[in-house]
Each structure stands twice: as structure tokens, then as C-alpha cells.
Amino acid sequence: EVPLNVGREKRLFTPTQRKALLLRDECCIKCGAPASRTQAHHLEHWIDGGATDLDNGCLLCTSCHHDVHDVHDSGWDVVMGFDRHPWLIPPATVDPRRRPLPAYNRRTLHLDSAA
């Protein structure tokens, strides 16, 4: 049995955790970049006490990872939903109401009328 939650024991996500993130997220949760170009991101940063656990992780490509960690505070946040999937909170400059967006692999297109 391989643990998927390592708490504060390790800073970096393990290979097994990364496989689990790949199964859940499939790609960068923000832009949809292929999983091969992603990094595991802590929602609550490890340095601030965040655990290295699936419920505190998601996949982000380098560019989107910088958006979330932007030192100039781009305003993008990632939270774990009650559905145990990551959700993006856009900055007010993108959506003044800051409505949560599902991860890229969970977005669906809704048409007003069926063909």
C-alpha cells in the first residue's frame, strides 16, 4: 500500500501522488496544457504549513503556476471544492464577482439550443 497523503513529512509530491493528480486533473487545471508540461502545486503553500496531500494539490503548467504565485499578486486563487476537485477563483479584473471556475478538464460547453 502506497500512501497518497504524506502531510508535512515531504515537501515535494511523490511519484504516486503525481499519478493520482494526473488521473484526477488530466492537464493544467487553468489552461489545459498537457499533463507532461505540468507541476504539482500546493493550494496552501508548503512553507505556510500546507500538507503534501491530494486535497492540497493540483496540476499547473509553468505559466499558470506563475500566475497563481505571482509576486505582483495577479489575483488568481485555487481552492479545493467540496467535490474534492480544484476550482480556480479569477481575479476581479477577469470577473468582478470572482465566481469559481471548475478545473479545465471539468468544464463543459452548454448550448442554448440543441441541434
Protein backbone atom coordinates (compact mmCIF):
# COMPACT_ATOMS: atom_id res chain seq x y z
CA GLU A 1 0.00 0.00 0.00
CA VAL A 2 1.39 3.39 -1.03
CA PRO A 3 0.25 6.43 0.98
CA LEU A 4 -1.34 9.23 -1.04
CA ASN A 5 -1.20 11.68 1.85
CA VAL A 6 2.19 12.41 3.37
CA GLY A 7 1.24 15.51 5.34
CA ARG A 8 4.21 17.67 6.29
CA GLU A 9 6.69 14.79 6.07
CA LYS A 10 7.75 15.68 2.50
CA ARG A 11 7.64 18.97 0.59
CA LEU A 12 7.53 17.55 -2.94
CA PHE A 13 4.69 15.39 -4.21
CA THR A 14 5.68 11.73 -4.59
CA PRO A 15 5.54 9.88 -7.92
CA THR A 16 2.43 8.03 -6.70
CA GLN A 17 0.72 11.29 -5.71
CA ARG A 18 1.58 12.77 -9.11
CA LYS A 19 -0.05 9.76 -10.82
CA ALA A 20 -3.18 10.32 -8.73
CA LEU A 21 -3.17 14.04 -9.65
CA LEU A 22 -2.79 13.06 -13.33
CA LEU A 23 -5.82 10.79 -13.07
CA ARG A 24 -7.92 13.47 -11.37
CA ASP A 25 -6.81 16.66 -13.14
CA GLU A 26 -5.66 15.22 -16.53
CA CYS A 27 -3.97 18.52 -17.54
CA CYS A 28 -3.21 22.02 -16.29
CA ILE A 29 -6.35 22.97 -14.37
CA LYS A 30 -6.20 26.57 -15.63
CA CYS A 31 -5.31 26.40 -19.34
CA GLY A 32 -5.50 22.72 -20.29
CA ALA A 33 -1.79 22.31 -21.15
CA PRO A 34 -0.79 18.63 -21.41
CA ALA A 35 -0.04 16.88 -18.14
CA SER A 36 3.55 16.31 -19.27
CA ARG A 37 4.09 20.09 -19.01
CA THR A 38 2.61 20.46 -15.51
CA GLN A 39 3.93 20.71 -11.97
CA ALA A 40 2.21 19.68 -8.76
CA HIS A 41 1.10 22.82 -6.90
CA HIS A 42 0.22 23.11 -3.21
CA LEU A 43 -3.06 25.05 -2.75
CA GLU A 44 -1.92 26.08 0.72
CA HIS A 45 1.80 26.59 0.23
CA TRP A 46 4.03 24.09 2.00
CA ILE A 47 6.10 26.88 3.52
CA ASP A 48 2.89 28.25 5.09
CA GLY A 49 2.00 24.89 6.68
CA GLY A 50 0.23 23.21 3.75
CA ALA A 51 0.32 19.43 3.57
CA THR A 52 1.62 17.40 0.65
CA ASP A 53 -1.72 15.67 0.14
CA LEU A 54 -4.05 15.19 -2.83
CA ASP A 55 -6.65 17.51 -1.32
CA ASN A 56 -4.00 20.23 -1.17
CA GLY A 57 -2.59 19.71 -4.67
CA CYS A 58 -3.35 20.29 -8.33
CA LEU A 59 -1.60 20.34 -11.69
CA LEU A 60 -0.50 23.66 -13.19
CA CYS A 61 1.75 24.35 -16.18
CA THR A 62 4.72 26.65 -15.58
CA SER A 63 2.94 29.76 -16.89
CA CYS A 64 -0.23 29.20 -14.86
CA HIS A 65 1.85 28.24 -11.81
CA HIS A 66 3.49 31.68 -12.07
CA ASP A 67 0.03 33.30 -12.37
CA VAL A 68 -1.04 31.70 -9.09
CA HIS A 69 2.28 32.51 -7.35
CA ASP A 70 2.68 35.94 -8.95
CA VAL A 71 4.66 38.20 -6.65
CA HIS A 72 2.67 41.12 -8.07
CA ASP A 73 -0.50 39.28 -6.99
CA SER A 74 -2.31 38.56 -10.24
CA GLY A 75 -5.31 37.67 -8.12
CA TRP A 76 -5.75 34.03 -9.26
CA ASP A 77 -6.50 31.62 -6.41
CA VAL A 78 -7.06 27.87 -6.34
CA VAL A 79 -9.31 26.20 -3.77
CA MET A 80 -10.40 22.62 -3.23
CA GLY A 81 -14.13 22.22 -3.74
CA PHE A 82 -16.49 20.06 -1.74
CA ASP A 83 -16.32 17.71 -4.74
CA ARG A 84 -12.60 17.17 -3.97
CA HIS A 85 -11.59 18.81 -7.25
CA PRO A 86 -9.64 22.05 -7.62
CA TRP A 87 -11.50 25.24 -8.55
CA LEU A 88 -9.99 28.48 -9.80
CA ILE A 89 -11.03 31.85 -8.41
CA PRO A 90 -10.30 34.52 -11.04
CA PRO A 91 -9.13 38.00 -10.12
CA ALA A 92 -11.68 40.83 -10.06
CA THR A 93 -10.13 42.15 -13.28
CA VAL A 94 -11.34 38.97 -15.04
CA ASP A 95 -14.62 38.53 -13.15
CA PRO A 96 -15.68 41.29 -10.72
CA ARG A 97 -17.78 38.72 -8.80
CA ARG A 98 -14.83 36.26 -8.64
CA ARG A 99 -17.07 33.27 -9.45
CA PRO A 100 -15.27 29.92 -9.10
CA LEU A 101 -14.35 28.09 -12.32
CA PRO A 102 -14.04 24.30 -12.41
CA ALA A 103 -10.73 22.77 -13.44
CA TYR A 104 -10.13 22.77 -17.19
CA ASN A 105 -10.90 19.06 -17.62
CA ARG A 106 -14.29 19.54 -15.93
CA ARG A 107 -15.58 22.50 -17.97
CA THR A 108 -18.46 21.74 -20.27
CA LEU A 109 -19.98 23.66 -23.14
CA HIS A 110 -23.66 24.46 -22.75
CA LEU A 111 -25.60 25.48 -25.84
CA ASP A 112 -28.85 27.41 -25.62
CA SER A 113 -30.48 25.20 -28.21
CA ALA A 114 -29.80 21.63 -29.24
CA ALA A 115 -29.17 20.90 -32.91
